[in-house]
Amino acid sequence: MKDHISNYSLQHFIPSSPLARLIVVTGKGGVGKTSFALALTKVLKDQGHKVVYNNFDQPINEDLLQKVNVDHFQLELIESAKLYISKKLGSEIVASWILKTPFFKALFNMLPGLNQMILLGHLINMLEEDPKLTIVMDSPSSGHALTMFEASHNFKEIFKTGKIVEDIERLHNFIYRPGVLKTILLTLPTEMSLQESSELDQSLKRRDIADNHIVLNDCYGLNEEVVNSQEELPEFLQRKVNLEAEVIKNPENNLSFAHSHCASNSAIDVIQNMVKELANSKEDNHA
């Protein structure tokens, strides 16, 4: 068994310096995005980088973050919108009043992506104010990430001119600058999941977002117990391992990294396993 998958891993993920300023971790629900984003934040912090975790307007598990020992911050949509409007109008009081109007609340329903653009703009402001900061963003889903990146283009077309367009131009000028944005497309080691990630990769590239990395998660064939097993594996597990091997060894899949399956139900154990594997990964010129 060990000989069969000894060259199974892809050890070239941790990026070279300078580090990307905004690292977006996305993928379908249930693939392990939060665990991976926290593990990556932890590894980069341990390497001496100034890095924080954010999960983009979603509830944060404070207990888990404390155990992992990573820095984080919470963005609230209403607070971000209030800050944006108050800066434009020069008044927090007027901004608070606008936010309470039925029109403003309806605006979010009428214009999909407006909330993503406001929150993304908040992130960009933080990065502009602190040139040493890197943000690892845990995106709720692949659809969310695509909507977020599409939003600025869509609103630019809607408004054509004015202060909002000027802000969108500033956002574009920053985020599309070389070395600023890196997108991690996390997926399970199956052909169907990989196909979905590849399609998302192509969709992002059509929007000039090119620094994308497909990362496999939960690979049984990389688990140490499986690798070092001297006994014959159950047929169903052997079949799964063989399918994973085909996926990983196929050069057309353009994979950047693969994580092993962690045989534990503990979120901390899963994250620590990812931290160990990422920390041991080798730098690659294309990362």
C-alpha atoms as a PDB file:
ATOM      1  CA  MET A   1       0.000   0.000   0.000  1.00  0.00           C
ATOM      2  CA  LYS A   2       2.734   2.457   0.918  1.00  0.00           C
ATOM      3  CA  ASP A   3       4.547   2.030  -2.388  1.00  0.00           C
ATOM      4  CA  HIS A   4       1.302   2.588  -4.266  1.00  0.00           C
ATOM      5  CA  ILE A   5       0.726   6.129  -2.961  1.00  0.00           C
ATOM      6  CA  SER A   6       4.120   7.264  -1.708  1.00  0.00           C
ATOM      7  CA  ASN A   7       4.269  10.023  -4.365  1.00  0.00           C
ATOM      8  CA  TYR A   8       0.650  10.984  -3.850  1.00  0.00           C
ATOM      9  CA  SER A   9       1.085  14.344  -2.129  1.00  0.00           C
ATOM     10  CA  LEU A  10       1.530  17.745  -3.742  1.00  0.00           C
ATOM     11  CA  GLN A  11       4.010  19.565  -1.530  1.00  0.00           C
ATOM     12  CA  HIS A  12       4.256  23.052  -2.996  1.00  0.00           C
ATOM     13  CA  PHE A  13       1.575  25.298  -1.629  1.00  0.00           C
ATOM     14  CA  ILE A  14       2.863  27.902   0.856  1.00  0.00           C
ATOM     15  CA  PRO A  15       3.449  30.999  -1.289  1.00  0.00           C
ATOM     16  CA  SER A  16       6.716  32.816  -1.725  1.00  0.00           C
ATOM     17  CA  SER A  17       7.323  36.308  -0.372  1.00  0.00           C
ATOM     18  CA  PRO A  18       5.785  38.830  -0.680  1.00  0.00           C
ATOM     19  CA  LEU A  19       2.610  37.286   0.655  1.00  0.00           C
ATOM     20  CA  ALA A  20      -0.729  38.014  -1.030  1.00  0.00           C
ATOM     21  CA  ARG A  21      -2.666  40.728   0.818  1.00  0.00           C
ATOM     22  CA  LEU A  22      -6.105  39.127   0.525  1.00  0.00           C
ATOM     23  CA  ILE A  23      -6.457  35.325   0.465  1.00  0.00           C
ATOM     24  CA  VAL A  24     -10.014  34.170  -0.250  1.00  0.00           C
ATOM     25  CA  VAL A  25     -10.864  30.567   0.670  1.00  0.00           C
ATOM     26  CA  THR A  26     -13.945  29.370  -1.170  1.00  0.00           C
ATOM     27  CA  GLY A  27     -15.675  26.201  -2.353  1.00  0.00           C
ATOM     28  CA  LYS A  28     -18.899  24.257  -1.959  1.00  0.00           C
ATOM     29  CA  GLY A  29     -20.510  23.848   1.450  1.00  0.00           C
ATOM     30  CA  GLY A  30     -19.037  21.128   3.646  1.00  0.00           C
ATOM     31  CA  VAL A  31     -15.598  20.863   2.025  1.00  0.00           C
ATOM     32  CA  GLY A  32     -13.748  22.268   5.066  1.00  0.00           C
ATOM     33  CA  LYS A  33     -13.287  25.945   4.144  1.00  0.00           C
ATOM     34  CA  THR A  34     -13.351  27.241   7.712  1.00  0.00           C
ATOM     35  CA  SER A  35     -10.861  24.639   8.958  1.00  0.00           C
ATOM     36  CA  PHE A  36      -8.522  25.354   6.055  1.00  0.00           C
ATOM     37  CA  ALA A  37      -8.790  29.150   6.397  1.00  0.00           C
ATOM     38  CA  LEU A  38      -8.012  28.945  10.109  1.00  0.00           C
ATOM     39  CA  ALA A  39      -5.121  26.534   9.522  1.00  0.00           C
ATOM     40  CA  LEU A  40      -3.639  28.773   6.836  1.00  0.00           C
ATOM     41  CA  THR A  41      -3.972  31.819   9.073  1.00  0.00           C
ATOM     42  CA  LYS A  42      -2.247  29.936  11.883  1.00  0.00           C
ATOM     43  CA  VAL A  43       0.665  28.794   9.681  1.00  0.00           C
ATOM     44  CA  LEU A  44       1.251  32.272   8.261  1.00  0.00           C
ATOM     45  CA  LYS A  45       1.095  33.795  11.749  1.00  0.00           C
ATOM     46  CA  ASP A  46       3.633  31.241  13.029  1.00  0.00           C
ATOM     47  CA  GLN A  47       5.906  32.225  10.135  1.00  0.00           C
ATOM     48  CA  GLY A  48       5.929  35.811  11.382  1.00  0.00           C
ATOM     49  CA  HIS A  49       3.367  37.393   9.051  1.00  0.00           C
ATOM     50  CA  LYS A  50       0.813  39.908  10.273  1.00  0.00           C
ATOM     51  CA  VAL A  51      -2.336  38.039   9.302  1.00  0.00           C
ATOM     52  CA  VAL A  52      -5.948  37.994  10.477  1.00  0.00           C
ATOM     53  CA  TYR A  53      -8.915  35.718   9.813  1.00  0.00           C
ATOM     54  CA  ASN A  54     -12.323  36.969   8.708  1.00  0.00           C
ATOM     55  CA  ASN A  55     -15.399  34.960   7.757  1.00  0.00           C
ATOM     56  CA  PHE A  56     -17.310  37.712   5.955  1.00  0.00           C
ATOM     57  CA  ASP A  57     -20.492  38.624   7.821  1.00  0.00           C
ATOM     58  CA  GLN A  58     -20.984  35.156   9.350  1.00  0.00           C
ATOM     59  CA  PRO A  59     -21.108  34.144  13.048  1.00  0.00           C
ATOM     60  CA  ILE A  60     -17.655  33.472  14.493  1.00  0.00           C
ATOM     61  CA  ASN A  61     -16.911  30.531  16.790  1.00  0.00           C
ATOM     62  CA  GLU A  62     -15.016  32.444  19.466  1.00  0.00           C
ATOM     63  CA  ASP A  63     -14.104  29.301  21.404  1.00  0.00           C
ATOM     64  CA  LEU A  64     -12.587  27.650  18.316  1.00  0.00           C
ATOM     65  CA  LEU A  65     -10.636  30.777  17.395  1.00  0.00           C
ATOM     66  CA  GLN A  66      -9.248  31.018  20.921  1.00  0.00           C
ATOM     67  CA  LYS A  67      -8.093  27.393  20.831  1.00  0.00           C
ATOM     68  CA  VAL A  68      -6.466  27.822  17.420  1.00  0.00           C
ATOM     69  CA  ASN A  69      -4.873  31.085  18.606  1.00  0.00           C
ATOM     70  CA  VAL A  70      -5.308  33.206  15.496  1.00  0.00           C
ATOM     71  CA  ASP A  71      -6.139  36.896  15.241  1.00  0.00           C
ATOM     72  CA  HIS A  72      -9.530  37.698  13.770  1.00  0.00           C
ATOM     73  CA  PHE A  73     -12.061  40.463  13.287  1.00  0.00           C
ATOM     74  CA  GLN A  74     -15.795  40.561  12.659  1.00  0.00           C
ATOM     75  CA  LEU A  75     -17.395  42.713   9.979  1.00  0.00           C
ATOM     76  CA  GLU A  76     -21.075  43.549  10.293  1.00  0.00           C
ATOM     77  CA  LEU A  77     -22.857  44.652   7.140  1.00  0.00           C
ATOM     78  CA  ILE A  78     -24.819  47.468   8.786  1.00  0.00           C
ATOM     79  CA  GLU A  79     -21.765  48.832  10.587  1.00  0.00           C
ATOM     80  CA  SER A  80     -19.718  48.708   7.375  1.00  0.00           C
ATOM     81  CA  ALA A  81     -22.491  50.466   5.456  1.00  0.00           C
ATOM     82  CA  LYS A  82     -22.786  53.092   8.199  1.00  0.00           C
ATOM     83  CA  LEU A  83     -19.043  53.754   8.079  1.00  0.00           C
ATOM     84  CA  TYR A  84     -19.087  54.031   4.283  1.00  0.00           C
ATOM     85  CA  ILE A  85     -22.068  56.404   4.169  1.00  0.00           C
ATOM     86  CA  SER A  86     -20.824  58.564   7.058  1.00  0.00           C
ATOM     87  CA  LYS A  87     -17.483  59.053   5.285  1.00  0.00           C
ATOM     88  CA  LYS A  88     -19.259  60.138   2.112  1.00  0.00           C
ATOM     89  CA  LEU A  89     -21.686  62.483   3.869  1.00  0.00           C
ATOM     90  CA  GLY A  90     -19.430  63.576   6.706  1.00  0.00           C
ATOM     91  CA  SER A  91     -22.032  62.721   9.332  1.00  0.00           C
ATOM     92  CA  GLU A  92     -22.610  59.561  11.380  1.00  0.00           C
ATOM     93  CA  ILE A  93     -26.028  60.846  12.434  1.00  0.00           C
ATOM     94  CA  VAL A  94     -27.260  61.189   8.844  1.00  0.00           C
ATOM     95  CA  ALA A  95     -25.750  57.797   7.989  1.00  0.00           C
ATOM     96  CA  SER A  96     -27.611  56.167  10.899  1.00  0.00           C
ATOM     97  CA  TRP A  97     -30.866  57.752   9.757  1.00  0.00           C
ATOM     98  CA  ILE A  98     -30.414  56.548   6.175  1.00  0.00           C
ATOM     99  CA  LEU A  99     -29.737  52.997   7.319  1.00  0.00           C
ATOM    100  CA  LYS A 100     -33.044  52.907   9.209  1.00  0.00           C
ATOM    101  CA  THR A 101     -35.137  53.838   6.169  1.00  0.00           C
ATOM    102  CA  PRO A 102     -37.200  51.131   4.415  1.00  0.00           C
ATOM    103  CA  PHE A 103     -35.625  52.187   1.109  1.00  0.00           C
ATOM    104  CA  PHE A 104     -32.113  51.303   2.223  1.00  0.00           C
ATOM    105  CA  LYS A 105     -33.207  47.900   3.511  1.00  0.00           C
ATOM    106  CA  ALA A 106     -35.039  47.235   0.236  1.00  0.00           C
ATOM    107  CA  LEU A 107     -31.934  48.282  -1.695  1.00  0.00           C
ATOM    108  CA  PHE A 108     -30.081  45.157  -0.577  1.00  0.00           C
ATOM    109  CA  ASN A 109     -32.891  42.997  -1.948  1.00  0.00           C
ATOM    110  CA  MET A 110     -33.079  44.911  -5.220  1.00  0.00           C
ATOM    111  CA  LEU A 111     -29.329  44.933  -5.866  1.00  0.00           C
ATOM    112  CA  PRO A 112     -27.749  41.517  -5.286  1.00  0.00           C
ATOM    113  CA  GLY A 113     -24.088  41.832  -4.406  1.00  0.00           C
ATOM    114  CA  LEU A 114     -24.350  45.276  -2.783  1.00  0.00           C
ATOM    115  CA  ASN A 115     -23.616  43.860   0.665  1.00  0.00           C
ATOM    116  CA  GLN A 116     -20.586  41.927  -0.648  1.00  0.00           C
ATOM    117  CA  MET A 117     -19.228  45.048  -2.301  1.00  0.00           C
ATOM    118  CA  ILE A 118     -19.613  47.120   0.887  1.00  0.00           C
ATOM    119  CA  LEU A 119     -17.863  44.505   3.013  1.00  0.00           C
ATOM    120  CA  LEU A 120     -15.140  43.959   0.425  1.00  0.00           C
ATOM    121  CA  GLY A 121     -14.588  47.700   0.327  1.00  0.00           C
ATOM    122  CA  HIS A 122     -14.147  47.640   4.109  1.00  0.00           C
ATOM    123  CA  LEU A 123     -11.483  44.933   3.768  1.00  0.00           C
ATOM    124  CA  ILE A 124      -9.677  46.925   1.101  1.00  0.00           C
ATOM    125  CA  ASN A 125      -9.648  49.992   3.358  1.00  0.00           C
ATOM    126  CA  MET A 126      -8.012  47.947   6.110  1.00  0.00           C
ATOM    127  CA  LEU A 127      -5.357  46.627   3.727  1.00  0.00           C
ATOM    128  CA  GLU A 128      -4.627  50.100   2.352  1.00  0.00           C
ATOM    129  CA  GLU A 129      -4.224  51.518   5.849  1.00  0.00           C
ATOM    130  CA  ASP A 130      -1.823  48.741   6.922  1.00  0.00           C
ATOM    131  CA  PRO A 131       0.635  47.690   4.160  1.00  0.00           C
ATOM    132  CA  LYS A 132       1.911  44.792   6.299  1.00  0.00           C
ATOM    133  CA  LEU A 133      -1.506  43.215   6.874  1.00  0.00           C
ATOM    134  CA  THR A 134      -2.788  40.063   5.148  1.00  0.00           C
ATOM    135  CA  ILE A 135      -6.421  38.979   5.484  1.00  0.00           C
ATOM    136  CA  VAL A 136      -7.522  35.352   5.090  1.00  0.00           C
ATOM    137  CA  MET A 137     -11.194  35.496   4.177  1.00  0.00           C
ATOM    138  CA  ASP A 138     -13.452  32.490   4.761  1.00  0.00           C
ATOM    139  CA  SER A 139     -16.032  32.845   1.994  1.00  0.00           C
ATOM    140  CA  PRO A 140     -19.417  31.164   2.728  1.00  0.00           C
ATOM    141  CA  SER A 141     -19.619  29.458  -0.681  1.00  0.00           C
ATOM    142  CA  SER A 142     -18.273  29.451  -4.215  1.00  0.00           C
ATOM    143  CA  GLY A 143     -21.402  31.290  -5.382  1.00  0.00           C
ATOM    144  CA  HIS A 144     -20.786  33.959  -2.756  1.00  0.00           C
ATOM    145  CA  ALA A 145     -17.203  34.484  -3.914  1.00  0.00           C
ATOM    146  CA  LEU A 146     -18.244  34.795  -7.547  1.00  0.00           C
ATOM    147  CA  THR A 147     -21.021  37.260  -6.673  1.00  0.00           C
ATOM    148  CA  MET A 148     -18.591  39.295  -4.584  1.00  0.00           C
ATOM    149  CA  PHE A 149     -16.104  39.672  -7.421  1.00  0.00           C
ATOM    150  CA  GLU A 150     -18.838  40.316  -9.980  1.00  0.00           C
ATOM    151  CA  ALA A 151     -20.526  42.964  -7.844  1.00  0.00           C
ATOM    152  CA  SER A 152     -18.052  45.760  -8.491  1.00  0.00           C
ATOM    153  CA  HIS A 153     -18.242  45.205 -12.264  1.00  0.00           C
ATOM    154  CA  ASN A 154     -22.056  45.154 -12.159  1.00  0.00           C
ATOM    155  CA  PHE A 155     -22.392  48.312 -10.079  1.00  0.00           C
ATOM    156  CA  LYS A 156     -19.925  50.113 -12.287  1.00  0.00           C
ATOM    157  CA  GLU A 157     -22.230  49.404 -15.225  1.00  0.00           C
ATOM    158  CA  ILE A 158     -25.334  50.400 -13.266  1.00  0.00           C
ATOM    159  CA  PHE A 159     -24.117  53.761 -11.976  1.00  0.00           C
ATOM    160  CA  LYS A 160     -21.762  54.713 -14.832  1.00  0.00           C
ATOM    161  CA  THR A 161     -20.411  57.828 -13.074  1.00  0.00           C
ATOM    162  CA  GLY A 162     -20.305  59.388  -9.630  1.00  0.00           C
ATOM    163  CA  LYS A 163     -18.771  58.759  -6.222  1.00  0.00           C
ATOM    164  CA  ILE A 164     -19.702  55.067  -6.146  1.00  0.00           C
ATOM    165  CA  VAL A 165     -17.993  54.464  -9.485  1.00  0.00           C
ATOM    166  CA  GLU A 166     -14.923  56.317  -8.232  1.00  0.00           C
ATOM    167  CA  ASP A 167     -14.831  54.008  -5.210  1.00  0.00           C
ATOM    168  CA  ILE A 168     -15.235  50.958  -7.437  1.00  0.00           C
ATOM    169  CA  GLU A 169     -12.322  52.127  -9.587  1.00  0.00           C
ATOM    170  CA  ARG A 170     -10.203  52.490  -6.442  1.00  0.00           C
ATOM    171  CA  LEU A 171     -11.225  48.993  -5.327  1.00  0.00           C
ATOM    172  CA  HIS A 172     -10.361  47.567  -8.741  1.00  0.00           C
ATOM    173  CA  ASN A 173      -7.032  49.338  -8.866  1.00  0.00           C
ATOM    174  CA  PHE A 174      -6.089  47.777  -5.551  1.00  0.00           C
ATOM    175  CA  ILE A 175      -7.458  44.262  -5.789  1.00  0.00           C
ATOM    176  CA  TYR A 176      -6.293  43.600  -9.356  1.00  0.00           C
ATOM    177  CA  ARG A 177      -2.787  44.776  -8.617  1.00  0.00           C
ATOM    178  CA  PRO A 178      -0.296  41.870  -9.030  1.00  0.00           C
ATOM    179  CA  GLY A 179       0.312  39.973  -5.803  1.00  0.00           C
ATOM    180  CA  VAL A 180      -2.694  41.360  -3.924  1.00  0.00           C
ATOM    181  CA  LEU A 181      -5.383  38.689  -4.350  1.00  0.00           C
ATOM    182  CA  LYS A 182      -5.063  34.908  -4.079  1.00  0.00           C
ATOM    183  CA  THR A 183      -8.078  32.604  -4.286  1.00  0.00           C
ATOM    184  CA  ILE A 184      -8.080  29.097  -2.803  1.00  0.00           C
ATOM    185  CA  LEU A 185     -10.679  26.778  -4.350  1.00  0.00           C
ATOM    186  CA  LEU A 186     -11.118  24.014  -1.774  1.00  0.00           C
ATOM    187  CA  THR A 187     -12.693  20.789  -3.010  1.00  0.00           C
ATOM    188  CA  LEU A 188     -13.146  17.123  -2.185  1.00  0.00           C
ATOM    189  CA  PRO A 189     -11.074  14.557  -4.154  1.00  0.00           C
ATOM    190  CA  THR A 190     -13.775  13.478  -6.590  1.00  0.00           C
ATOM    191  CA  GLU A 191     -14.129  14.139 -10.304  1.00  0.00           C
ATOM    192  CA  MET A 192     -17.481  15.899  -9.841  1.00  0.00           C
ATOM    193  CA  SER A 193     -16.181  18.227  -7.116  1.00  0.00           C
ATOM    194  CA  LEU A 194     -13.049  18.962  -9.112  1.00  0.00           C
ATOM    195  CA  GLN A 195     -15.111  19.758 -12.182  1.00  0.00           C
ATOM    196  CA  GLU A 196     -17.094  22.324 -10.189  1.00  0.00           C
ATOM    197  CA  SER A 197     -13.880  23.906  -8.900  1.00  0.00           C
ATOM    198  CA  SER A 198     -12.410  24.001 -12.400  1.00  0.00           C
ATOM    199  CA  GLU A 199     -15.531  25.754 -13.685  1.00  0.00           C
ATOM    200  CA  LEU A 200     -15.276  28.313 -10.880  1.00  0.00           C
ATOM    201  CA  ASP A 201     -11.593  28.788 -11.715  1.00  0.00           C
ATOM    202  CA  GLN A 202     -12.487  29.541 -15.337  1.00  0.00           C
ATOM    203  CA  SER A 203     -15.292  31.904 -14.280  1.00  0.00           C
ATOM    204  CA  LEU A 204     -12.876  33.839 -12.078  1.00  0.00           C
ATOM    205  CA  LYS A 205     -10.263  33.999 -14.817  1.00  0.00           C
ATOM    206  CA  ARG A 206     -12.824  35.462 -17.206  1.00  0.00           C
ATOM    207  CA  ARG A 207     -13.107  38.264 -14.650  1.00  0.00           C
ATOM    208  CA  ASP A 208      -9.313  38.734 -14.626  1.00  0.00           C
ATOM    209  CA  ILE A 209      -8.875  36.910 -11.305  1.00  0.00           C
ATOM    210  CA  ALA A 210      -6.063  34.573 -12.255  1.00  0.00           C
ATOM    211  CA  ASP A 211      -4.119  33.650  -9.099  1.00  0.00           C
ATOM    212  CA  ASN A 212      -6.363  30.709  -8.208  1.00  0.00           C
ATOM    213  CA  HIS A 213      -5.275  27.467  -6.530  1.00  0.00           C
ATOM    214  CA  ILE A 214      -7.287  24.253  -6.398  1.00  0.00           C
ATOM    215  CA  VAL A 215      -6.698  22.411  -3.120  1.00  0.00           C
ATOM    216  CA  LEU A 216      -8.021  18.943  -2.322  1.00  0.00           C
ATOM    217  CA  ASN A 217      -9.246  18.123   1.165  1.00  0.00           C
ATOM    218  CA  ASP A 218     -10.060  14.920   3.041  1.00  0.00           C
ATOM    219  CA  CYS A 219      -7.916  12.511   1.009  1.00  0.00           C
ATOM    220  CA  TYR A 220      -7.976   9.028   2.574  1.00  0.00           C
ATOM    221  CA  GLY A 221      -5.009   7.981   0.467  1.00  0.00           C
ATOM    222  CA  LEU A 222      -2.819  10.517   2.284  1.00  0.00           C
ATOM    223  CA  ASN A 223      -3.822   9.438   5.786  1.00  0.00           C
ATOM    224  CA  GLU A 224      -0.764   8.041   7.608  1.00  0.00           C
ATOM    225  CA  GLU A 225      -2.629   4.993   8.906  1.00  0.00           C
ATOM    226  CA  VAL A 226      -3.728   4.129   5.392  1.00  0.00           C
ATOM    227  CA  VAL A 227      -0.304   4.844   3.901  1.00  0.00           C
ATOM    228  CA  ASN A 228       1.508   2.710   6.478  1.00  0.00           C
ATOM    229  CA  SER A 229      -1.040  -0.078   6.631  1.00  0.00           C
ATOM    230  CA  GLN A 230       0.466  -3.539   6.222  1.00  0.00           C
ATOM    231  CA  GLU A 231      -2.948  -5.112   5.838  1.00  0.00           C
ATOM    232  CA  GLU A 232      -5.268  -5.296   2.871  1.00  0.00           C
ATOM    233  CA  LEU A 233      -7.711  -2.387   2.889  1.00  0.00           C
ATOM    234  CA  PRO A 234     -11.466  -3.027   2.753  1.00  0.00           C
ATOM    235  CA  GLU A 235     -12.660  -3.052  -0.837  1.00  0.00           C
ATOM    236  CA  PHE A 236     -14.703   0.161  -0.554  1.00  0.00           C
ATOM    237  CA  LEU A 237     -11.753   2.055   0.955  1.00  0.00           C
ATOM    238  CA  GLN A 238      -9.289   0.689  -1.603  1.00  0.00           C
ATOM    239  CA  ARG A 239     -11.631   1.794  -4.382  1.00  0.00           C
ATOM    240  CA  LYS A 240     -11.829   5.295  -2.896  1.00  0.00           C
ATOM    241  CA  VAL A 241      -8.048   5.510  -2.533  1.00  0.00           C
ATOM    242  CA  ASN A 242      -7.573   4.413  -6.144  1.00  0.00           C
ATOM    243  CA  LEU A 243     -10.038   7.030  -7.391  1.00  0.00           C
ATOM    244  CA  GLU A 244      -8.279   9.714  -5.372  1.00  0.00           C
ATOM    245  CA  ALA A 245      -4.957   8.665  -6.858  1.00  0.00           C
ATOM    246  CA  GLU A 246      -6.337   9.051 -10.384  1.00  0.00           C
ATOM    247  CA  VAL A 247      -7.636  12.515  -9.542  1.00  0.00           C
ATOM    248  CA  ILE A 248      -4.391  13.707  -7.961  1.00  0.00           C
ATOM    249  CA  LYS A 249      -2.039  12.254 -10.550  1.00  0.00           C
ATOM    250  CA  ASN A 250      -3.990  13.683 -13.485  1.00  0.00           C
ATOM    251  CA  PRO A 251      -1.960  16.753 -14.602  1.00  0.00           C
ATOM    252  CA  GLU A 252      -5.023  18.265 -16.270  1.00  0.00           C
ATOM    253  CA  ASN A 253      -6.582  18.883 -12.841  1.00  0.00           C
ATOM    254  CA  ASN A 254      -3.889  21.502 -12.119  1.00  0.00           C
ATOM    255  CA  LEU A 255      -3.850  20.916  -8.352  1.00  0.00           C
ATOM    256  CA  SER A 256      -1.798  22.986  -5.919  1.00  0.00           C
ATOM    257  CA  PHE A 257      -2.046  20.932  -2.744  1.00  0.00           C
ATOM    258  CA  ALA A 258      -3.794  17.944  -1.154  1.00  0.00           C
ATOM    259  CA  HIS A 259      -4.733  17.422   2.484  1.00  0.00           C
ATOM    260  CA  SER A 260      -5.092  14.027   4.147  1.00  0.00           C
ATOM    261  CA  HIS A 261      -8.224  12.741   5.813  1.00  0.00           C
ATOM    262  CA  CYS A 262      -8.159  13.331   9.572  1.00  0.00           C
ATOM    263  CA  ALA A 263      -9.777  10.439  11.460  1.00  0.00           C
ATOM    264  CA  SER A 264     -11.253  12.648  14.181  1.00  0.00           C
ATOM    265  CA  ASN A 265     -14.530  14.446  14.774  1.00  0.00           C
ATOM    266  CA  SER A 266     -12.734  17.221  16.639  1.00  0.00           C
ATOM    267  CA  ALA A 267     -12.473  20.517  14.742  1.00  0.00           C
ATOM    268  CA  ILE A 268      -9.224  21.258  16.577  1.00  0.00           C
ATOM    269  CA  ASP A 269      -7.696  17.943  15.482  1.00  0.00           C
ATOM    270  CA  VAL A 270      -8.684  18.589  11.868  1.00  0.00           C
ATOM    271  CA  ILE A 271      -7.182  22.097  11.934  1.00  0.00           C
ATOM    272  CA  GLN A 272      -3.983  20.909  13.623  1.00  0.00           C
ATOM    273  CA  ASN A 273      -3.599  18.224  10.962  1.00  0.00           C
ATOM    274  CA  MET A 274      -3.923  20.866   8.258  1.00  0.00           C
ATOM    275  CA  VAL A 275      -1.469  23.158  10.060  1.00  0.00           C
ATOM    276  CA  LYS A 276       1.108  20.365  10.189  1.00  0.00           C
ATOM    277  CA  GLU A 277       0.765  19.558   6.501  1.00  0.00           C
ATOM    278  CA  LEU A 278       0.809  23.186   5.362  1.00  0.00           C
ATOM    279  CA  ALA A 279       3.795  23.981   7.557  1.00  0.00           C
ATOM    280  CA  ASN A 280       5.707  21.078   5.997  1.00  0.00           C
ATOM    281  CA  SER A 281       4.832  22.051   2.436  1.00  0.00           C
ATOM    282  CA  LYS A 282       7.587  23.288   0.169  1.00  0.00           C
ATOM    283  CA  GLU A 283       7.657  26.609  -1.585  1.00  0.00           C
ATOM    284  CA  ASP A 284       6.932  26.555  -5.292  1.00  0.00           C
ATOM    285  CA  ASN A 285       7.722  29.162  -7.911  1.00  0.00           C
ATOM    286  CA  HIS A 286       4.158  29.060  -9.204  1.00  0.00           C
ATOM    287  CA  ALA A 287       2.445  29.436  -5.822  1.00  0.00           C
END
